[in-house]
Structure formats: structure tokens, C-alpha cells
Amino acid sequence: LEKVMTYKEDFKLLPGHGQETTLKEEQVHLPSWLRYF
């Protein structure tokens, strides 16, 4: 997760459920996942 937080490029993510999203939209949630783990 820490490595993914440093990615500068943006690309489309296709999750196994829900709508497609982008890396930039999801990077804001990564710090909370790190605290969770």
C-alpha cells in the first residue's frame, strides 16, 4: 500500500464489485487502510 501511495500516474481500476474507479480517487483512502492493518 505504501508503494501504491507514491504512484504519480493515474489509471483505471476495475474492482470485482461496484463501479470502476481510478487510482487517484482511491489513493486518498489508502492511509486509513494502513492504519487498519
PDB file of N, CA and C in Angstrom:
ATOM      1  N   LEU A   1       0.818  -1.198   0.000  1.00  0.00           N
ATOM      2  CA  LEU A   1       0.000   0.000   0.000  1.00  0.00           C
ATOM      3  C   LEU A   1       0.859   1.258   0.000  1.00  0.00           C
ATOM      4  N   GLU A   2       1.944   1.237   0.750  1.00  0.00           N
ATOM      5  CA  GLU A   2       2.812   2.421   0.777  1.00  0.00           C
ATOM      6  C   GLU A   2       3.396   2.707  -0.600  1.00  0.00           C
ATOM      7  N   LYS A   3       3.744   1.673  -1.334  1.00  0.00           N
ATOM      8  CA  LYS A   3       4.284   1.859  -2.682  1.00  0.00           C
ATOM      9  C   LYS A   3       3.215   2.441  -3.609  1.00  0.00           C
ATOM     10  N   VAL A   4       2.008   1.941  -3.527  1.00  0.00           N
ATOM     11  CA  VAL A   4       0.921   2.433  -4.381  1.00  0.00           C
ATOM     12  C   VAL A   4       0.615   3.899  -4.074  1.00  0.00           C
ATOM     13  N   MET A   5       0.799   4.309  -2.826  1.00  0.00           N
ATOM     14  CA  MET A   5       0.543   5.701  -2.459  1.00  0.00           C
ATOM     15  C   MET A   5       1.498   6.655  -3.165  1.00  0.00           C
ATOM     16  N   THR A   6       2.655   6.165  -3.620  1.00  0.00           N
ATOM     17  CA  THR A   6       3.640   7.035  -4.259  1.00  0.00           C
ATOM     18  C   THR A   6       3.489   7.099  -5.776  1.00  0.00           C
ATOM     19  N   TYR A   7       2.620   6.296  -6.363  1.00  0.00           N
ATOM     20  CA  TYR A   7       2.446   6.309  -7.819  1.00  0.00           C
ATOM     21  C   TYR A   7       1.962   7.676  -8.273  1.00  0.00           C
ATOM     22  N   LYS A   8       2.585   8.211  -9.300  1.00  0.00           N
ATOM     23  CA  LYS A   8       2.195   9.516  -9.848  1.00  0.00           C
ATOM     24  C   LYS A   8       1.211   9.367 -11.002  1.00  0.00           C
ATOM     25  N   GLU A   9       1.355   8.283 -11.784  1.00  0.00           N
ATOM     26  CA  GLU A   9       0.462   8.103 -12.918  1.00  0.00           C
ATOM     27  C   GLU A   9      -0.922   7.664 -12.438  1.00  0.00           C
ATOM     28  N   ASP A  10      -1.918   7.928 -13.239  1.00  0.00           N
ATOM     29  CA  ASP A  10      -3.291   7.574 -12.912  1.00  0.00           C
ATOM     30  C   ASP A  10      -3.756   6.532 -13.917  1.00  0.00           C
ATOM     31  N   PHE A  11      -4.515   5.577 -13.467  1.00  0.00           N
ATOM     32  CA  PHE A  11      -5.081   4.597 -14.381  1.00  0.00           C
ATOM     33  C   PHE A  11      -6.383   4.069 -13.812  1.00  0.00           C
ATOM     34  N   LYS A  12      -7.158   3.450 -14.671  1.00  0.00           N
ATOM     35  CA  LYS A  12      -8.478   2.950 -14.317  1.00  0.00           C
ATOM     36  C   LYS A  12      -8.351   1.651 -13.529  1.00  0.00           C
ATOM     37  N   LEU A  13      -9.146   1.528 -12.471  1.00  0.00           N
ATOM     38  CA  LEU A  13      -9.207   0.307 -11.679  1.00  0.00           C
ATOM     39  C   LEU A  13     -10.571  -0.330 -11.891  1.00  0.00           C
ATOM     40  N   LEU A  14     -10.579  -1.617 -12.107  1.00  0.00           N
ATOM     41  CA  LEU A  14     -11.822  -2.353 -12.308  1.00  0.00           C
ATOM     42  C   LEU A  14     -11.980  -3.356 -11.163  1.00  0.00           C
ATOM     43  N   PRO A  15     -12.692  -2.962 -10.107  1.00  0.00           N
ATOM     44  CA  PRO A  15     -12.846  -3.854  -8.962  1.00  0.00           C
ATOM     45  C   PRO A  15     -13.752  -5.038  -9.299  1.00  0.00           C
ATOM     46  N   GLY A  16     -13.738  -6.031  -8.471  1.00  0.00           N
ATOM     47  CA  GLY A  16     -14.593  -7.195  -8.664  1.00  0.00           C
ATOM     48  C   GLY A  16     -16.048  -6.915  -8.350  1.00  0.00           C
ATOM     49  N   HIS A  17     -16.315  -5.767  -7.760  1.00  0.00           N
ATOM     50  CA  HIS A  17     -17.682  -5.348  -7.456  1.00  0.00           C
ATOM     51  C   HIS A  17     -17.739  -3.826  -7.533  1.00  0.00           C
ATOM     52  N   GLY A  18     -18.904  -3.272  -7.710  1.00  0.00           N
ATOM     53  CA  GLY A  18     -19.049  -1.817  -7.768  1.00  0.00           C
ATOM     54  C   GLY A  18     -18.607  -1.238  -9.094  1.00  0.00           C
ATOM     55  N   GLN A  19     -18.567   0.084  -9.130  1.00  0.00           N
ATOM     56  CA  GLN A  19     -18.228   0.791 -10.359  1.00  0.00           C
ATOM     57  C   GLN A  19     -16.725   0.928 -10.514  1.00  0.00           C
ATOM     58  N   GLU A  20     -16.301   1.175 -11.751  1.00  0.00           N
ATOM     59  CA  GLU A  20     -14.879   1.413 -11.986  1.00  0.00           C
ATOM     60  C   GLU A  20     -14.469   2.720 -11.332  1.00  0.00           C
ATOM     61  N   THR A  21     -13.209   2.815 -11.003  1.00  0.00           N
ATOM     62  CA  THR A  21     -12.666   3.990 -10.339  1.00  0.00           C
ATOM     63  C   THR A  21     -11.259   4.227 -10.884  1.00  0.00           C
ATOM     64  N   THR A  22     -10.568   5.214 -10.345  1.00  0.00           N
ATOM     65  CA  THR A  22      -9.198   5.483 -10.775  1.00  0.00           C
ATOM     66  C   THR A  22      -8.272   5.402  -9.568  1.00  0.00           C
ATOM     67  N   LEU A  23      -7.013   5.252  -9.848  1.00  0.00           N
ATOM     68  CA  LEU A  23      -6.031   5.185  -8.770  1.00  0.00           C
ATOM     69  C   LEU A  23      -6.038   6.469  -7.951  1.00  0.00           C
ATOM     70  N   LYS A  24      -6.097   7.616  -8.610  1.00  0.00           N
ATOM     71  CA  LYS A  24      -6.080   8.899  -7.892  1.00  0.00           C
ATOM     72  C   LYS A  24      -7.267   9.018  -6.945  1.00  0.00           C
ATOM     73  N   GLU A  25      -8.435   8.518  -7.350  1.00  0.00           N
ATOM     74  CA  GLU A  25      -9.608   8.570  -6.472  1.00  0.00           C
ATOM     75  C   GLU A  25      -9.435   7.673  -5.252  1.00  0.00           C
ATOM     76  N   GLU A  26      -8.752   6.567  -5.423  1.00  0.00           N
ATOM     77  CA  GLU A  26      -8.597   5.608  -4.328  1.00  0.00           C
ATOM     78  C   GLU A  26      -7.398   5.884  -3.441  1.00  0.00           C
ATOM     79  N   GLN A  27      -6.405   6.614  -3.931  1.00  0.00           N
ATOM     80  CA  GLN A  27      -5.214   6.895  -3.120  1.00  0.00           C
ATOM     81  C   GLN A  27      -5.561   7.645  -1.840  1.00  0.00           C
ATOM     82  N   VAL A  28      -6.616   8.435  -1.841  1.00  0.00           N
ATOM     83  CA  VAL A  28      -6.976   9.177  -0.627  1.00  0.00           C
ATOM     84  C   VAL A  28      -7.424   8.244   0.493  1.00  0.00           C
ATOM     85  N   HIS A  29      -7.861   7.029   0.165  1.00  0.00           N
ATOM     86  CA  HIS A  29      -8.331   6.073   1.169  1.00  0.00           C
ATOM     87  C   HIS A  29      -7.223   5.173   1.710  1.00  0.00           C
ATOM     88  N   LEU A  30      -6.065   5.154   1.058  1.00  0.00           N
ATOM     89  CA  LEU A  30      -5.002   4.231   1.456  1.00  0.00           C
ATOM     90  C   LEU A  30      -4.457   4.469   2.865  1.00  0.00           C
ATOM     91  N   PRO A  31      -4.298   5.709   3.334  1.00  0.00           N
ATOM     92  CA  PRO A  31      -3.808   5.885   4.711  1.00  0.00           C
ATOM     93  C   PRO A  31      -4.715   5.226   5.756  1.00  0.00           C
ATOM     94  N   SER A  32      -6.015   5.252   5.554  1.00  0.00           N
ATOM     95  CA  SER A  32      -6.912   4.604   6.517  1.00  0.00           C
ATOM     96  C   SER A  32      -6.755   3.082   6.473  1.00  0.00           C
ATOM     97  N   TRP A  33      -6.494   2.518   5.294  1.00  0.00           N
ATOM     98  CA  TRP A  33      -6.242   1.078   5.199  1.00  0.00           C
ATOM     99  C   TRP A  33      -4.940   0.710   5.905  1.00  0.00           C
ATOM    100  N   LEU A  34      -3.929   1.547   5.799  1.00  0.00           N
ATOM    101  CA  LEU A  34      -2.667   1.281   6.502  1.00  0.00           C
ATOM    102  C   LEU A  34      -2.869   1.280   8.012  1.00  0.00           C
ATOM    103  N   ARG A  35      -3.669   2.207   8.513  1.00  0.00           N
ATOM    104  CA  ARG A  35      -3.957   2.237   9.949  1.00  0.00           C
ATOM    105  C   ARG A  35      -4.751   1.000  10.366  1.00  0.00           C
ATOM    106  N   TYR A  36      -5.641   0.534   9.492  1.00  0.00           N
ATOM    107  CA  TYR A  36      -6.462  -0.641   9.785  1.00  0.00           C
ATOM    108  C   TYR A  36      -5.598  -1.890   9.951  1.00  0.00           C
ATOM    109  N   PHE A  37      -4.628  -2.044   9.044  1.00  0.00           N
ATOM    110  CA  PHE A  37      -3.771  -3.228   9.094  1.00  0.00           C
ATOM    111  C   PHE A  37      -2.708  -3.068  10.146  1.00  0.00           C
TER     112      PHE A  37
END
